[in-house]
Every structure is written in structure tokens, then in C-alpha cells.
N, C-alpha and C. Protein backbone atom coordinates (compact mmCIF):
# COMPACT_ATOMS: atom_id res chain seq x y z
N MET A 1 3.39 -10.76 34.39
CA MET A 1 3.70 -11.44 33.15
C MET A 1 3.30 -10.53 31.99
N THR A 2 4.23 -10.28 31.09
CA THR A 2 3.92 -9.44 29.93
C THR A 2 3.60 -10.33 28.74
N ARG A 3 2.69 -9.82 27.97
CA ARG A 3 2.30 -10.54 26.77
C ARG A 3 3.21 -10.17 25.61
N ALA A 4 3.64 -11.14 24.88
CA ALA A 4 4.48 -10.87 23.71
C ALA A 4 3.64 -10.18 22.64
N ALA A 5 4.26 -9.22 21.97
CA ALA A 5 3.56 -8.53 20.89
C ALA A 5 3.27 -9.51 19.76
N ALA A 6 2.13 -9.32 19.14
CA ALA A 6 1.77 -10.17 18.00
C ALA A 6 2.77 -9.92 16.87
N PRO A 7 3.10 -10.94 16.11
CA PRO A 7 4.03 -10.73 15.01
C PRO A 7 3.45 -9.74 14.00
N ARG A 8 4.30 -8.92 13.44
CA ARG A 8 3.89 -7.92 12.47
C ARG A 8 3.45 -8.58 11.18
N VAL A 9 2.35 -8.09 10.66
CA VAL A 9 1.83 -8.54 9.37
C VAL A 9 1.83 -7.34 8.45
N TRP A 10 2.24 -7.54 7.21
CA TRP A 10 2.31 -6.45 6.25
C TRP A 10 1.25 -6.61 5.18
N LEU A 11 0.43 -5.57 5.02
CA LEU A 11 -0.50 -5.47 3.90
C LEU A 11 0.28 -4.82 2.77
N LEU A 12 0.49 -5.55 1.68
CA LEU A 12 1.26 -5.02 0.55
C LEU A 12 0.34 -4.25 -0.38
N ASP A 13 0.71 -3.01 -0.70
CA ASP A 13 -0.11 -2.25 -1.64
C ASP A 13 0.16 -2.74 -3.06
N ALA A 14 -0.66 -2.31 -3.99
CA ALA A 14 -0.57 -2.79 -5.37
C ALA A 14 0.77 -2.48 -6.02
N ASN A 15 1.32 -1.30 -5.75
CA ASN A 15 2.59 -0.95 -6.37
C ASN A 15 3.72 -1.86 -5.90
N LEU A 16 3.69 -2.25 -4.65
CA LEU A 16 4.69 -3.18 -4.14
C LEU A 16 4.50 -4.57 -4.75
N LEU A 17 3.26 -5.00 -4.89
CA LEU A 17 2.99 -6.28 -5.56
C LEU A 17 3.51 -6.26 -7.00
N ILE A 18 3.31 -5.15 -7.69
CA ILE A 18 3.78 -5.03 -9.07
C ILE A 18 5.31 -5.05 -9.10
N ALA A 19 5.94 -4.33 -8.20
CA ALA A 19 7.41 -4.32 -8.16
C ALA A 19 7.97 -5.71 -7.91
N LEU A 20 7.29 -6.50 -7.10
CA LEU A 20 7.75 -7.85 -6.81
C LEU A 20 7.61 -8.79 -8.00
N THR A 21 6.64 -8.54 -8.86
CA THR A 21 6.36 -9.49 -9.96
C THR A 21 6.89 -9.05 -11.32
N HIS A 22 7.39 -7.84 -11.44
CA HIS A 22 7.88 -7.34 -12.74
C HIS A 22 9.34 -6.93 -12.64
N ALA A 23 10.20 -7.72 -13.25
CA ALA A 23 11.64 -7.48 -13.19
C ALA A 23 12.03 -6.12 -13.76
N SER A 24 11.23 -5.56 -14.65
CA SER A 24 11.56 -4.27 -15.25
C SER A 24 11.16 -3.09 -14.36
N HIS A 25 10.47 -3.34 -13.27
CA HIS A 25 10.03 -2.26 -12.37
C HIS A 25 11.26 -1.62 -11.72
N ILE A 26 11.26 -0.31 -11.62
CA ILE A 26 12.40 0.42 -11.06
C ILE A 26 12.74 -0.01 -9.64
N HIS A 27 11.77 -0.47 -8.87
CA HIS A 27 11.99 -0.87 -7.49
C HIS A 27 12.01 -2.39 -7.30
N HIS A 28 12.14 -3.14 -8.39
CA HIS A 28 12.09 -4.60 -8.31
C HIS A 28 13.14 -5.15 -7.33
N GLY A 29 14.37 -4.72 -7.46
CA GLY A 29 15.44 -5.21 -6.59
C GLY A 29 15.20 -4.88 -5.13
N GLU A 30 14.81 -3.64 -4.87
CA GLU A 30 14.54 -3.23 -3.49
C GLU A 30 13.35 -3.99 -2.92
N ALA A 31 12.32 -4.16 -3.73
CA ALA A 31 11.13 -4.87 -3.27
C ALA A 31 11.49 -6.31 -2.90
N HIS A 32 12.28 -6.97 -3.73
CA HIS A 32 12.67 -8.35 -3.42
C HIS A 32 13.57 -8.42 -2.20
N ALA A 33 14.50 -7.48 -2.07
CA ALA A 33 15.37 -7.48 -0.90
C ALA A 33 14.54 -7.32 0.39
N TRP A 34 13.58 -6.41 0.36
CA TRP A 34 12.71 -6.21 1.52
C TRP A 34 11.90 -7.47 1.80
N PHE A 35 11.31 -8.05 0.75
CA PHE A 35 10.46 -9.22 0.91
C PHE A 35 11.26 -10.38 1.50
N GLU A 36 12.46 -10.59 1.03
CA GLU A 36 13.30 -11.68 1.54
C GLU A 36 13.67 -11.47 3.00
N GLN A 37 13.88 -10.23 3.39
CA GLN A 37 14.27 -9.93 4.77
C GLN A 37 13.08 -9.88 5.72
N VAL A 38 12.00 -9.27 5.28
CA VAL A 38 10.91 -8.93 6.17
C VAL A 38 9.57 -9.51 5.75
N GLY A 39 9.14 -9.15 4.57
CA GLY A 39 7.79 -9.43 4.12
C GLY A 39 7.40 -10.88 4.04
N LYS A 40 8.35 -11.73 3.74
CA LYS A 40 7.98 -13.14 3.54
C LYS A 40 7.59 -13.84 4.83
N ARG A 41 7.81 -13.19 5.96
CA ARG A 41 7.42 -13.82 7.22
C ARG A 41 5.90 -13.98 7.32
N ARG A 42 5.20 -12.90 6.99
CA ARG A 42 3.74 -12.93 7.03
C ARG A 42 3.23 -11.70 6.31
N TRP A 43 2.52 -11.90 5.20
CA TRP A 43 2.01 -10.76 4.45
C TRP A 43 0.60 -11.04 3.99
N VAL A 44 -0.12 -9.96 3.72
CA VAL A 44 -1.53 -10.08 3.36
C VAL A 44 -1.85 -9.22 2.14
N SER A 45 -2.97 -9.60 1.55
CA SER A 45 -3.57 -8.78 0.49
C SER A 45 -5.06 -8.73 0.78
N CYS A 46 -5.74 -7.88 0.07
CA CYS A 46 -7.20 -7.76 0.22
C CYS A 46 -7.77 -7.57 -1.19
N ALA A 47 -9.08 -7.54 -1.30
CA ALA A 47 -9.70 -7.39 -2.61
C ALA A 47 -9.22 -6.14 -3.32
N LEU A 48 -9.08 -5.05 -2.59
CA LEU A 48 -8.67 -3.78 -3.20
C LEU A 48 -7.26 -3.86 -3.78
N THR A 49 -6.31 -4.43 -3.04
CA THR A 49 -4.95 -4.52 -3.55
C THR A 49 -4.85 -5.52 -4.70
N GLN A 50 -5.61 -6.61 -4.61
CA GLN A 50 -5.57 -7.60 -5.68
C GLN A 50 -6.18 -7.05 -6.97
N LEU A 51 -7.31 -6.38 -6.86
CA LEU A 51 -7.94 -5.79 -8.05
C LEU A 51 -7.06 -4.70 -8.67
N ALA A 52 -6.45 -3.89 -7.83
CA ALA A 52 -5.54 -2.85 -8.34
C ALA A 52 -4.35 -3.49 -9.05
N PHE A 53 -3.84 -4.58 -8.48
CA PHE A 53 -2.72 -5.28 -9.12
C PHE A 53 -3.12 -5.75 -10.52
N VAL A 54 -4.28 -6.38 -10.64
CA VAL A 54 -4.73 -6.89 -11.95
C VAL A 54 -4.96 -5.73 -12.92
N ARG A 55 -5.62 -4.68 -12.45
CA ARG A 55 -5.91 -3.53 -13.31
C ARG A 55 -4.62 -2.88 -13.81
N LEU A 56 -3.69 -2.64 -12.90
CA LEU A 56 -2.45 -1.96 -13.29
C LEU A 56 -1.52 -2.85 -14.09
N THR A 57 -1.44 -4.12 -13.72
CA THR A 57 -0.56 -5.04 -14.45
C THR A 57 -1.04 -5.27 -15.87
N SER A 58 -2.32 -5.19 -16.11
CA SER A 58 -2.83 -5.39 -17.47
C SER A 58 -2.86 -4.08 -18.27
N ASN A 59 -2.27 -3.03 -17.73
CA ASN A 59 -2.17 -1.76 -18.43
C ASN A 59 -0.74 -1.62 -18.97
N PRO A 60 -0.54 -1.69 -20.29
CA PRO A 60 0.82 -1.64 -20.84
C PRO A 60 1.57 -0.35 -20.51
N ARG A 61 0.85 0.71 -20.24
CA ARG A 61 1.52 1.97 -19.87
C ARG A 61 2.16 1.89 -18.49
N VAL A 62 1.66 1.02 -17.67
CA VAL A 62 2.19 0.87 -16.32
C VAL A 62 3.37 -0.09 -16.30
N VAL A 63 3.22 -1.25 -16.93
CA VAL A 63 4.25 -2.29 -16.84
C VAL A 63 5.16 -2.38 -18.07
N GLY A 64 4.83 -1.64 -19.12
CA GLY A 64 5.70 -1.62 -20.28
C GLY A 64 5.57 -2.82 -21.20
N GLU A 65 4.58 -3.64 -20.99
CA GLU A 65 4.34 -4.78 -21.86
C GLU A 65 2.85 -5.08 -21.88
N SER A 66 2.43 -5.84 -22.87
CA SER A 66 1.01 -6.17 -22.99
C SER A 66 0.73 -7.46 -22.25
N ILE A 67 -0.02 -7.35 -21.17
CA ILE A 67 -0.39 -8.50 -20.35
C ILE A 67 -1.92 -8.47 -20.22
N SER A 68 -2.57 -9.57 -20.48
CA SER A 68 -4.02 -9.63 -20.37
C SER A 68 -4.43 -9.69 -18.90
N PRO A 69 -5.66 -9.32 -18.58
CA PRO A 69 -6.13 -9.49 -17.21
C PRO A 69 -6.04 -10.95 -16.74
N ALA A 70 -6.27 -11.90 -17.65
CA ALA A 70 -6.15 -13.32 -17.28
C ALA A 70 -4.71 -13.66 -16.89
N GLN A 71 -3.74 -13.12 -17.62
CA GLN A 71 -2.33 -13.35 -17.27
C GLN A 71 -1.98 -12.67 -15.95
N ALA A 72 -2.54 -11.50 -15.73
CA ALA A 72 -2.32 -10.80 -14.46
C ALA A 72 -2.90 -11.61 -13.31
N MET A 73 -4.07 -12.22 -13.54
CA MET A 73 -4.68 -13.07 -12.51
C MET A 73 -3.81 -14.29 -12.22
N GLU A 74 -3.18 -14.85 -13.25
CA GLU A 74 -2.27 -15.98 -13.05
C GLU A 74 -1.08 -15.56 -12.20
N ALA A 75 -0.52 -14.40 -12.49
CA ALA A 75 0.61 -13.89 -11.70
C ALA A 75 0.19 -13.67 -10.25
N LEU A 76 -1.01 -13.14 -10.07
CA LEU A 76 -1.54 -12.93 -8.72
C LEU A 76 -1.74 -14.25 -8.00
N ALA A 77 -2.29 -15.24 -8.69
CA ALA A 77 -2.50 -16.55 -8.08
C ALA A 77 -1.18 -17.18 -7.65
N SER A 78 -0.17 -17.02 -8.48
CA SER A 78 1.15 -17.55 -8.15
C SER A 78 1.71 -16.87 -6.89
N MET A 79 1.54 -15.57 -6.83
CA MET A 79 2.06 -14.84 -5.69
C MET A 79 1.30 -15.16 -4.40
N THR A 80 -0.01 -15.22 -4.49
CA THR A 80 -0.80 -15.46 -3.29
C THR A 80 -0.77 -16.92 -2.84
N ALA A 81 -0.17 -17.78 -3.64
CA ALA A 81 0.03 -19.17 -3.22
C ALA A 81 1.20 -19.29 -2.24
N HIS A 82 1.92 -18.21 -2.04
CA HIS A 82 3.06 -18.17 -1.12
C HIS A 82 2.60 -18.60 0.28
N ALA A 83 3.38 -19.42 0.94
CA ALA A 83 3.00 -19.99 2.24
C ALA A 83 2.71 -18.94 3.31
N ALA A 84 3.35 -17.79 3.25
CA ALA A 84 3.17 -16.77 4.28
C ALA A 84 2.05 -15.78 3.95
N HIS A 85 1.35 -16.02 2.84
CA HIS A 85 0.28 -15.10 2.43
C HIS A 85 -1.02 -15.40 3.15
N GLU A 86 -1.73 -14.34 3.48
CA GLU A 86 -3.07 -14.44 4.06
C GLU A 86 -3.95 -13.44 3.31
N TYR A 87 -5.21 -13.77 3.16
CA TYR A 87 -6.15 -12.88 2.48
C TYR A 87 -7.11 -12.29 3.50
N TRP A 88 -7.20 -10.97 3.54
CA TRP A 88 -8.15 -10.31 4.43
C TRP A 88 -9.47 -10.15 3.68
N ALA A 89 -10.37 -11.08 3.88
CA ALA A 89 -11.65 -11.08 3.16
C ALA A 89 -12.69 -10.15 3.80
N ASP A 90 -12.63 -10.01 5.08
CA ASP A 90 -13.67 -9.23 5.77
C ASP A 90 -13.25 -7.78 5.95
N ALA A 91 -13.28 -7.06 4.84
CA ALA A 91 -12.91 -5.64 4.86
C ALA A 91 -14.08 -4.81 5.39
N PRO A 92 -13.79 -3.80 6.20
CA PRO A 92 -14.85 -2.98 6.77
C PRO A 92 -15.39 -1.97 5.76
N GLU A 93 -16.55 -1.46 6.07
CA GLU A 93 -17.11 -0.39 5.25
C GLU A 93 -16.19 0.83 5.38
N PRO A 94 -15.99 1.56 4.30
CA PRO A 94 -15.09 2.72 4.34
C PRO A 94 -15.40 3.72 5.44
N GLN A 95 -16.67 3.97 5.73
CA GLN A 95 -16.99 4.97 6.73
C GLN A 95 -16.59 4.56 8.15
N ARG A 96 -16.23 3.31 8.35
CA ARG A 96 -15.76 2.84 9.67
C ARG A 96 -14.31 3.20 9.91
N LEU A 97 -13.61 3.64 8.88
CA LEU A 97 -12.19 3.92 9.01
C LEU A 97 -11.95 5.42 9.19
N PRO A 98 -11.42 5.81 10.34
CA PRO A 98 -11.22 7.24 10.59
C PRO A 98 -10.23 7.89 9.62
N THR A 99 -9.37 7.10 9.00
CA THR A 99 -8.40 7.69 8.07
C THR A 99 -9.09 8.33 6.88
N LEU A 100 -10.26 7.85 6.49
CA LEU A 100 -10.96 8.45 5.36
C LEU A 100 -11.65 9.75 5.72
N ASN A 101 -11.86 9.97 7.00
CA ASN A 101 -12.47 11.22 7.46
C ASN A 101 -11.43 12.22 7.94
N SER A 102 -10.17 11.89 7.77
CA SER A 102 -9.08 12.74 8.24
C SER A 102 -8.99 14.02 7.40
N VAL A 103 -8.61 15.11 8.06
CA VAL A 103 -8.40 16.36 7.32
C VAL A 103 -7.18 16.25 6.41
N ALA A 104 -6.35 15.22 6.62
CA ALA A 104 -5.18 15.02 5.77
C ALA A 104 -5.57 14.51 4.38
N VAL A 105 -6.78 13.98 4.22
CA VAL A 105 -7.26 13.55 2.90
C VAL A 105 -7.78 14.80 2.20
N VAL A 106 -6.99 15.28 1.24
CA VAL A 106 -7.37 16.52 0.56
C VAL A 106 -7.67 16.33 -0.92
N GLY A 107 -7.53 15.10 -1.41
CA GLY A 107 -7.79 14.88 -2.82
C GLY A 107 -8.19 13.46 -3.14
N HIS A 108 -8.72 13.28 -4.34
CA HIS A 108 -9.23 11.97 -4.77
C HIS A 108 -8.14 10.91 -4.85
N ARG A 109 -6.92 11.30 -5.08
CA ARG A 109 -5.83 10.31 -5.20
C ARG A 109 -5.45 9.70 -3.86
N GLN A 110 -5.94 10.24 -2.79
CA GLN A 110 -5.59 9.75 -1.46
C GLN A 110 -6.62 8.78 -0.88
N VAL A 111 -7.75 8.66 -1.51
CA VAL A 111 -8.85 7.86 -0.94
C VAL A 111 -8.45 6.40 -0.75
N THR A 112 -7.91 5.79 -1.77
CA THR A 112 -7.50 4.38 -1.67
C THR A 112 -6.37 4.22 -0.66
N ASP A 113 -5.40 5.13 -0.68
CA ASP A 113 -4.30 5.08 0.28
C ASP A 113 -4.84 5.16 1.72
N ALA A 114 -5.76 6.09 1.95
CA ALA A 114 -6.34 6.27 3.28
C ALA A 114 -7.10 5.01 3.71
N TYR A 115 -7.80 4.39 2.77
CA TYR A 115 -8.54 3.17 3.09
C TYR A 115 -7.57 2.04 3.49
N LEU A 116 -6.53 1.84 2.70
CA LEU A 116 -5.58 0.76 3.00
C LEU A 116 -4.87 1.01 4.32
N LEU A 117 -4.47 2.25 4.57
CA LEU A 117 -3.84 2.56 5.84
C LEU A 117 -4.82 2.31 6.99
N GLY A 118 -6.06 2.73 6.83
CA GLY A 118 -7.07 2.50 7.85
C GLY A 118 -7.31 1.03 8.11
N LEU A 119 -7.29 0.23 7.06
CA LEU A 119 -7.45 -1.22 7.20
C LEU A 119 -6.31 -1.81 8.03
N ALA A 120 -5.08 -1.39 7.73
CA ALA A 120 -3.92 -1.86 8.50
C ALA A 120 -4.02 -1.42 9.96
N VAL A 121 -4.40 -0.17 10.18
CA VAL A 121 -4.52 0.36 11.55
C VAL A 121 -5.60 -0.41 12.32
N LEU A 122 -6.75 -0.62 11.70
CA LEU A 122 -7.86 -1.33 12.33
C LEU A 122 -7.42 -2.71 12.83
N ARG A 123 -6.54 -3.35 12.09
CA ARG A 123 -6.07 -4.69 12.46
C ARG A 123 -4.77 -4.66 13.26
N GLY A 124 -4.29 -3.46 13.57
CA GLY A 124 -3.06 -3.32 14.36
C GLY A 124 -1.84 -3.76 13.58
N GLN A 125 -1.86 -3.59 12.27
CA GLN A 125 -0.76 -4.05 11.42
C GLN A 125 -0.16 -2.91 10.62
N CYS A 126 0.54 -3.24 9.57
CA CYS A 126 1.34 -2.26 8.84
C CYS A 126 1.10 -2.36 7.34
N LEU A 127 1.01 -1.21 6.68
CA LEU A 127 0.89 -1.15 5.23
C LEU A 127 2.28 -0.98 4.63
N ALA A 128 2.70 -1.91 3.79
CA ALA A 128 4.00 -1.82 3.12
C ALA A 128 3.80 -1.19 1.76
N THR A 129 4.62 -0.19 1.47
CA THR A 129 4.43 0.59 0.25
C THR A 129 5.76 1.13 -0.28
N LEU A 130 5.74 1.52 -1.52
CA LEU A 130 6.85 2.23 -2.14
C LEU A 130 6.57 3.73 -2.19
N ASP A 131 5.39 4.13 -1.77
CA ASP A 131 4.87 5.49 -1.93
C ASP A 131 5.26 6.39 -0.76
N ARG A 132 6.22 7.28 -0.99
CA ARG A 132 6.64 8.22 0.06
C ARG A 132 5.51 9.17 0.46
N GLY A 133 4.65 9.48 -0.50
CA GLY A 133 3.51 10.34 -0.20
C GLY A 133 2.59 9.72 0.82
N LEU A 134 2.48 8.40 0.78
CA LEU A 134 1.65 7.68 1.75
C LEU A 134 2.25 7.79 3.15
N LEU A 135 3.58 7.76 3.23
CA LEU A 135 4.24 7.96 4.52
C LEU A 135 3.93 9.37 5.04
N THR A 136 4.00 10.36 4.16
CA THR A 136 3.68 11.74 4.54
C THR A 136 2.25 11.82 5.05
N PHE A 137 1.32 11.17 4.36
CA PHE A 137 -0.08 11.15 4.79
C PHE A 137 -0.20 10.51 6.17
N ALA A 138 0.49 9.38 6.37
CA ALA A 138 0.42 8.69 7.66
C ALA A 138 0.99 9.56 8.77
N GLN A 139 2.07 10.28 8.49
CA GLN A 139 2.64 11.17 9.48
C GLN A 139 1.66 12.29 9.83
N ALA A 140 1.02 12.86 8.81
CA ALA A 140 0.04 13.93 9.04
C ALA A 140 -1.16 13.44 9.83
N SER A 141 -1.43 12.14 9.74
CA SER A 141 -2.56 11.54 10.45
C SER A 141 -2.15 10.95 11.80
N GLY A 142 -0.87 11.03 12.15
CA GLY A 142 -0.38 10.45 13.40
C GLY A 142 -0.30 8.94 13.37
N LEU A 143 -0.14 8.36 12.16
CA LEU A 143 -0.18 6.90 12.01
C LEU A 143 1.08 6.33 11.35
N ALA A 144 2.18 7.05 11.44
CA ALA A 144 3.41 6.63 10.76
C ALA A 144 3.90 5.25 11.21
N ALA A 145 3.55 4.85 12.42
CA ALA A 145 3.96 3.53 12.92
C ALA A 145 3.33 2.40 12.14
N HIS A 146 2.30 2.71 11.34
CA HIS A 146 1.60 1.68 10.57
C HIS A 146 2.02 1.67 9.09
N ILE A 147 3.13 2.33 8.77
CA ILE A 147 3.62 2.36 7.39
C ILE A 147 5.02 1.77 7.36
N GLU A 148 5.28 0.93 6.41
CA GLU A 148 6.63 0.41 6.13
C GLU A 148 6.98 0.91 4.73
N LEU A 149 7.89 1.89 4.67
CA LEU A 149 8.36 2.40 3.39
C LEU A 149 9.46 1.49 2.90
N VAL A 150 9.25 0.84 1.78
CA VAL A 150 10.16 -0.17 1.27
C VAL A 150 11.34 0.44 0.52
N SER A 151 11.13 1.47 -0.24
CA SER A 151 12.18 2.03 -1.09
C SER A 151 13.16 2.88 -0.29
N ALA A 152 14.45 2.71 -0.59
CA ALA A 152 15.49 3.53 0.01
C ALA A 152 15.92 4.65 -0.91
N ARG A 153 15.27 4.76 -2.04
CA ARG A 153 15.63 5.81 -3.01
C ARG A 153 15.30 7.18 -2.45
N PRO A 154 15.98 8.21 -2.95
CA PRO A 154 15.68 9.57 -2.49
C PRO A 154 14.22 9.90 -2.75
N PRO A 155 13.66 10.78 -1.95
CA PRO A 155 12.25 11.11 -2.11
C PRO A 155 11.93 11.74 -3.45
N VAL A 156 10.77 11.39 -3.94
CA VAL A 156 10.24 12.00 -5.15
C VAL A 156 9.52 13.25 -4.69
N GLN A 157 9.68 14.33 -5.42
CA GLN A 157 9.02 15.58 -5.03
C GLN A 157 7.51 15.43 -5.15
N GLU A 158 6.82 15.54 -4.05
CA GLU A 158 5.36 15.46 -4.04
C GLU A 158 4.79 16.87 -4.11
N PRO A 159 3.63 17.03 -4.71
CA PRO A 159 3.00 18.34 -4.66
C PRO A 159 2.78 18.76 -3.21
N ALA A 160 3.07 20.00 -2.90
CA ALA A 160 3.01 20.48 -1.51
C ALA A 160 1.65 20.28 -0.86
N THR A 161 0.59 20.34 -1.63
CA THR A 161 -0.75 20.23 -1.04
C THR A 161 -1.30 18.83 -1.02
N ARG A 162 -0.57 17.87 -1.53
CA ARG A 162 -1.15 16.53 -1.67
C ARG A 162 -1.58 15.91 -0.36
N TYR A 163 -0.78 16.05 0.68
CA TYR A 163 -1.11 15.39 1.94
C TYR A 163 -1.22 16.36 3.10
N ARG A 164 -1.63 17.56 2.85
CA ARG A 164 -1.84 18.53 3.91
C ARG A 164 -3.27 19.03 3.88
N ALA A 165 -3.72 19.46 5.03
CA ALA A 165 -5.06 20.05 5.09
C ALA A 165 -5.05 21.35 4.29
N PRO A 166 -6.12 21.61 3.56
CA PRO A 166 -6.16 22.84 2.77
C PRO A 166 -6.21 24.06 3.68
N ARG A 167 -5.56 25.13 3.22
CA ARG A 167 -5.59 26.38 3.98
C ARG A 167 -6.91 27.07 3.73
N LYS A 168 -7.36 27.77 4.75
CA LYS A 168 -8.59 28.53 4.60
C LYS A 168 -8.30 29.77 3.78
N ALA A 169 -9.22 30.09 2.92
CA ALA A 169 -9.06 31.27 2.07
C ALA A 169 -9.09 32.53 2.92
N ARG A 170 -8.24 33.47 2.57
CA ARG A 170 -8.23 34.75 3.26
C ARG A 170 -9.39 35.59 2.79
N ARG A 171 -9.94 36.27 3.70
CA ARG A 171 -11.00 37.22 3.32
C ARG A 171 -10.36 38.59 3.32
N GLY A 172 -10.64 39.29 2.31
CA GLY A 172 -9.89 40.48 2.23
C GLY A 172 -10.50 41.68 1.82
């Protein structure tokens, strides 16, 4: 007798949450299409993604309008009231996640991405994102099966060193 695989659960990163809640976001349509097809079955957030959502949504440079943190919290509350939403409250200490110790983490901009990917991997689930660089990081770490890239847009040119192990300096 074989056991059925557990249903896939998607941890939505902050950029995907923003795309879902802001009609002016460049990926709003794609985010909603994905959510209607896939994400609405069962999705999760955690303290890190929720705080990033509030921080970024209340930054007018990010969303193009002036929204207070209180208004961002209201938008978050509305979204997390969704019947298929679950909150992952028991997040592990960062040092428990091998993704943060990976040689693929070469810069400060990857730390949060590596943590979220590690959290999804630890729970046997998937991180849903609009960030192609995060897919590249997951591939370099052998964890691409735990990433759901939502955007179908052509790749954005990433800096060549962003998700690769640094080369050793030549001695000469």
C-alpha cells in the first residue's frame, strides 16, 4: 500500500503577497491567475513574510502610493483571513536551516531568501515567489523542487555573482 503524498502547501514570499494586494503591481495579473489556479488551495505565511509585507507596503517607493503601516496591517489581515491560509508560528532558529550555511549564499541580499527557502524545505513544502534569482539560488543549492516561480515574464538579468559561490582569488 502506497501512501498518498501530502498536499502541496505554498509559503508566499512578501513580493508575491504585495503583487496579490496591489493592482498597480507589474505582476498583479499573473499573481492572481496563479493564486486562483494553485495557491488558493492551501497557502501559508510566517512572521518574516508578514513583517516584510507591512514594511514594503508602507513604503511609497515600493507601492507607488502612501499607505500607513496600520493600513498595510489591515490589508494583511484581510488576506490572511482567507479560508486556505495557515500561519507558521513555530519558525526554527536560522542556524538550523542548512540553506543559510550554503556556499550559494554569497551576499546579504540572499539571507532572507535562504531562510524562507530553508523553512519551506524543512516542512517539505514550497516557496512561491516572483524572484527568478531565488530560483537560481535554489538550483545552486539542489533545492529547485521547493520553489514555485509564479511569473512567466522573461528573466530579469541578475548580477552574475549574486547566487554563485565566490571564486577563489588567483595567487600570482
